């Protein structure tokens, strides 16, 4: 069973990291090891090469659709030569800034993705787009790529009789079990 070997290796790697860094940085070690175990568990769902190829194909297709959305939104600004003339490498660079920005959550508003795109577009070193136009494009890209799935998701949640309020209450009731230190 190759997938078991990967899963077990992930557990061993997580244990090794926890042992090496746990005394000095216990929160970091615990967080990182739990992420490694979760990643290993995710890999455990890939059973064979055909499953891997299917997952890789779907992933590539999704990224192509996202890149297409970025390209089309930027080219919709037909009276703005800076945005309208962007080529694929520039669009991919803008996507990369959005990805990095989405990892940063700003207090109370979120918005790391929009801020990264707006900053990249308005930066004189990169695209030098006027600030108002950069804000417009940044928000429109965010609406098209992040928020456009919300109505469809809400429709399917309603269709499946899922209550977001009930799910929120249930997630608050579930408390993590205290970790047991096997070393002591």
Protein backbone atom coordinates (compact mmCIF):
# COMPACT_ATOMS: atom_id res chain seq x y z
CA UNK A 1 0.00 0.00 0.00
CA UNK A 2 1.94 3.02 -1.20
CA UNK A 3 -0.58 5.51 0.18
CA UNK A 4 -0.14 4.10 3.68
CA UNK A 5 3.60 4.57 3.40
CA UNK A 6 3.06 8.28 2.55
CA UNK A 7 0.57 8.70 5.38
CA UNK A 8 2.88 7.02 7.89
CA UNK A 9 5.86 9.06 6.67
CA UNK A 10 3.85 12.24 7.20
CA UNK A 11 3.18 11.16 10.76
CA UNK A 12 6.85 10.40 11.31
CA UNK A 13 7.88 13.76 9.86
CA UNK A 14 5.33 15.54 12.06
CA UNK A 15 6.59 13.66 15.14
CA UNK A 16 10.19 14.51 14.27
CA UNK A 17 9.36 18.22 13.88
CA UNK A 18 7.44 18.22 17.14
CA UNK A 19 10.33 16.58 18.99
CA UNK A 20 12.93 18.97 17.52
CA UNK A 21 11.04 22.23 17.93
CA UNK A 22 8.40 21.46 20.56
CA UNK A 23 10.37 22.55 23.60
CA UNK A 24 11.47 25.88 22.16
CA UNK A 25 8.32 26.77 20.15
CA UNK A 26 5.44 24.51 21.34
CA UNK A 27 2.61 26.36 19.55
CA UNK A 28 4.53 26.49 16.27
CA UNK A 29 5.51 22.82 16.52
CA UNK A 30 1.96 21.74 17.28
CA UNK A 31 0.48 23.82 14.47
CA UNK A 32 3.03 22.70 11.89
CA UNK A 33 2.80 19.03 12.83
CA UNK A 34 -0.99 19.07 12.68
CA UNK A 35 -0.81 20.63 9.20
CA UNK A 36 1.66 17.97 8.08
CA UNK A 37 -0.61 15.22 9.42
CA UNK A 38 -3.62 16.77 7.66
CA UNK A 39 -1.66 17.03 4.42
CA UNK A 40 -0.63 13.38 4.77
CA UNK A 41 -4.26 12.45 5.39
CA UNK A 42 -5.23 14.32 2.22
CA UNK A 43 -2.61 12.43 0.25
CA UNK A 44 -4.03 9.23 1.66
CA UNK A 45 -7.16 9.81 -0.44
CA UNK A 46 -5.17 9.51 -3.69
CA UNK A 47 -5.33 5.78 -4.36
CA UNK A 48 -3.52 5.34 -7.66
CA UNK A 49 -1.95 7.10 -10.62
CA UNK A 50 -5.32 7.50 -12.35
CA UNK A 51 -6.74 9.33 -9.31
CA UNK A 52 -3.69 11.57 -9.21
CA UNK A 53 -4.00 12.40 -12.91
CA UNK A 54 -7.70 13.20 -12.51
CA UNK A 55 -7.00 15.51 -9.57
CA UNK A 56 -4.11 17.19 -11.38
CA UNK A 57 -6.28 17.68 -14.49
CA UNK A 58 -9.11 19.25 -12.49
CA UNK A 59 -6.65 21.52 -10.72
CA UNK A 60 -5.06 22.68 -13.98
CA UNK A 61 -8.52 23.27 -15.48
CA UNK A 62 -9.57 25.40 -12.51
CA UNK A 63 -6.39 27.50 -12.69
CA UNK A 64 -6.89 28.00 -16.43
CA UNK A 65 -10.45 29.22 -15.77
CA UNK A 66 -9.20 31.62 -13.10
CA UNK A 67 -6.46 32.93 -15.42
CA UNK A 68 -9.05 33.36 -18.16
CA UNK A 69 -11.28 35.34 -15.79
CA UNK A 70 -8.37 37.63 -14.87
CA UNK A 71 -7.42 38.10 -18.51
CA UNK A 72 -10.99 38.87 -19.60
CA UNK A 73 -11.70 41.26 -16.73
CA UNK A 74 -8.52 43.21 -17.41
CA UNK A 75 -9.22 43.32 -21.15
CA UNK A 76 -12.75 44.59 -20.48
CA UNK A 77 -11.14 47.95 -19.66
CA UNK A 78 -10.95 48.71 -23.39
CA UNK A 79 -10.35 52.45 -22.97
CA UNK A 80 -7.41 51.86 -20.61
CA UNK A 81 -4.35 50.79 -22.61
CA UNK A 82 -2.38 49.66 -19.57
CA UNK A 83 -4.99 47.09 -18.55
CA UNK A 84 -6.30 46.28 -22.00
CA UNK A 85 -2.85 45.41 -23.31
CA UNK A 86 -1.83 43.02 -20.51
CA UNK A 87 -0.42 39.74 -21.74
CA UNK A 88 -0.55 36.31 -20.09
CA UNK A 89 2.73 36.64 -18.09
CA UNK A 90 1.53 39.94 -16.60
CA UNK A 91 -1.85 38.42 -15.78
CA UNK A 92 -0.14 35.47 -14.07
CA UNK A 93 2.01 37.87 -12.05
CA UNK A 94 -1.13 39.69 -10.93
CA UNK A 95 -2.74 36.34 -10.02
CA UNK A 96 0.33 35.45 -7.96
CA UNK A 97 0.06 38.72 -6.03
CA UNK A 98 -3.60 37.97 -5.37
CA UNK A 99 -2.72 34.51 -4.06
CA UNK A 100 -0.07 35.91 -1.73
CA UNK A 101 -2.44 38.65 -0.63
CA UNK A 102 -5.22 36.17 0.11
CA UNK A 103 -3.01 34.62 2.77
CA UNK A 104 -2.99 37.95 4.62
CA UNK A 105 -6.14 38.87 6.50
CA UNK A 106 -6.52 42.50 7.43
CA UNK A 107 -8.22 43.20 10.77
CA UNK A 108 -12.01 43.46 10.54
CA UNK A 109 -12.14 43.67 6.73
CA UNK A 110 -10.13 40.78 5.29
CA UNK A 111 -9.19 42.11 1.90
CA UNK A 112 -5.59 40.97 1.54
CA UNK A 113 -6.20 39.79 -2.00
CA UNK A 114 -7.71 43.07 -3.15
CA UNK A 115 -5.00 45.09 -1.45
CA UNK A 116 -2.25 43.04 -3.09
CA UNK A 117 -3.76 43.41 -6.58
CA UNK A 118 -4.43 47.12 -6.13
CA UNK A 119 -0.90 47.67 -4.80
CA UNK A 120 0.65 45.72 -7.66
CA UNK A 121 -1.39 47.54 -10.31
CA UNK A 122 -0.74 51.02 -8.91
CA UNK A 123 2.94 50.42 -8.18
CA UNK A 124 5.21 52.51 -10.45
CA UNK A 125 7.71 49.65 -10.49
CA UNK A 126 5.18 47.18 -11.89
CA UNK A 127 2.17 48.44 -13.84
CA UNK A 128 1.80 52.14 -12.92
CA UNK A 129 -1.97 52.13 -13.29
CA UNK A 130 -3.75 55.19 -11.81
CA UNK A 131 -4.97 54.48 -8.28
CA UNK A 132 -8.68 54.85 -9.05
CA UNK A 133 -8.42 52.44 -11.95
CA UNK A 134 -6.34 50.02 -9.86
CA UNK A 135 -9.00 50.04 -7.14
CA UNK A 136 -11.74 49.44 -9.72
CA UNK A 137 -9.88 46.55 -11.34
CA UNK A 138 -8.85 45.05 -7.99
CA UNK A 139 -12.38 45.01 -6.64
CA UNK A 140 -13.82 43.71 -9.91
CA UNK A 141 -11.24 40.89 -10.04
CA UNK A 142 -12.12 40.00 -6.44
CA UNK A 143 -15.84 39.99 -7.22
CA UNK A 144 -15.41 37.82 -10.31
CA UNK A 145 -12.94 35.31 -8.87
CA UNK A 146 -13.83 35.10 -5.17
CA UNK A 147 -17.41 36.27 -4.69
CA UNK A 148 -19.05 34.94 -7.86
CA UNK A 149 -19.36 31.47 -6.34
CA UNK A 150 -21.34 32.70 -3.31
CA UNK A 151 -24.82 32.74 -4.91
CA UNK A 152 -24.30 29.27 -6.38
CA UNK A 153 -23.03 27.99 -3.03
CA UNK A 154 -26.00 29.47 -1.19
CA UNK A 155 -28.36 27.93 -3.74
CA UNK A 156 -26.86 24.47 -3.23
CA UNK A 157 -26.83 24.90 0.56
CA UNK A 158 -30.52 25.75 0.43
CA UNK A 159 -31.20 22.87 -1.97
CA UNK A 160 -29.45 20.43 0.41
CA UNK A 161 -31.30 21.94 3.42
CA UNK A 162 -28.10 23.16 5.06
CA UNK A 163 -28.48 25.90 7.62
CA UNK A 164 -25.42 28.13 7.92
CA UNK A 165 -26.61 29.28 11.34
CA UNK A 166 -26.93 25.66 12.54
CA UNK A 167 -23.51 24.75 11.13
CA UNK A 168 -21.98 27.75 12.90
CA UNK A 169 -23.59 26.76 16.19
CA UNK A 170 -22.44 23.15 15.82
CA UNK A 171 -18.88 24.19 15.08
CA UNK A 172 -18.84 26.35 18.22
CA UNK A 173 -20.05 23.42 20.34
CA UNK A 174 -17.28 21.10 19.14
CA UNK A 175 -14.22 21.74 21.27
CA UNK A 176 -10.83 20.27 20.47
CA UNK A 177 -9.68 17.49 22.75
CA UNK A 178 -6.77 18.38 24.98
CA UNK A 179 -3.50 17.04 23.62
CA UNK A 180 -1.74 14.34 25.58
CA UNK A 181 2.03 14.62 25.99
CA UNK A 182 3.36 11.09 25.47
CA UNK A 183 6.90 12.12 26.37
CA UNK A 184 6.14 12.65 30.06
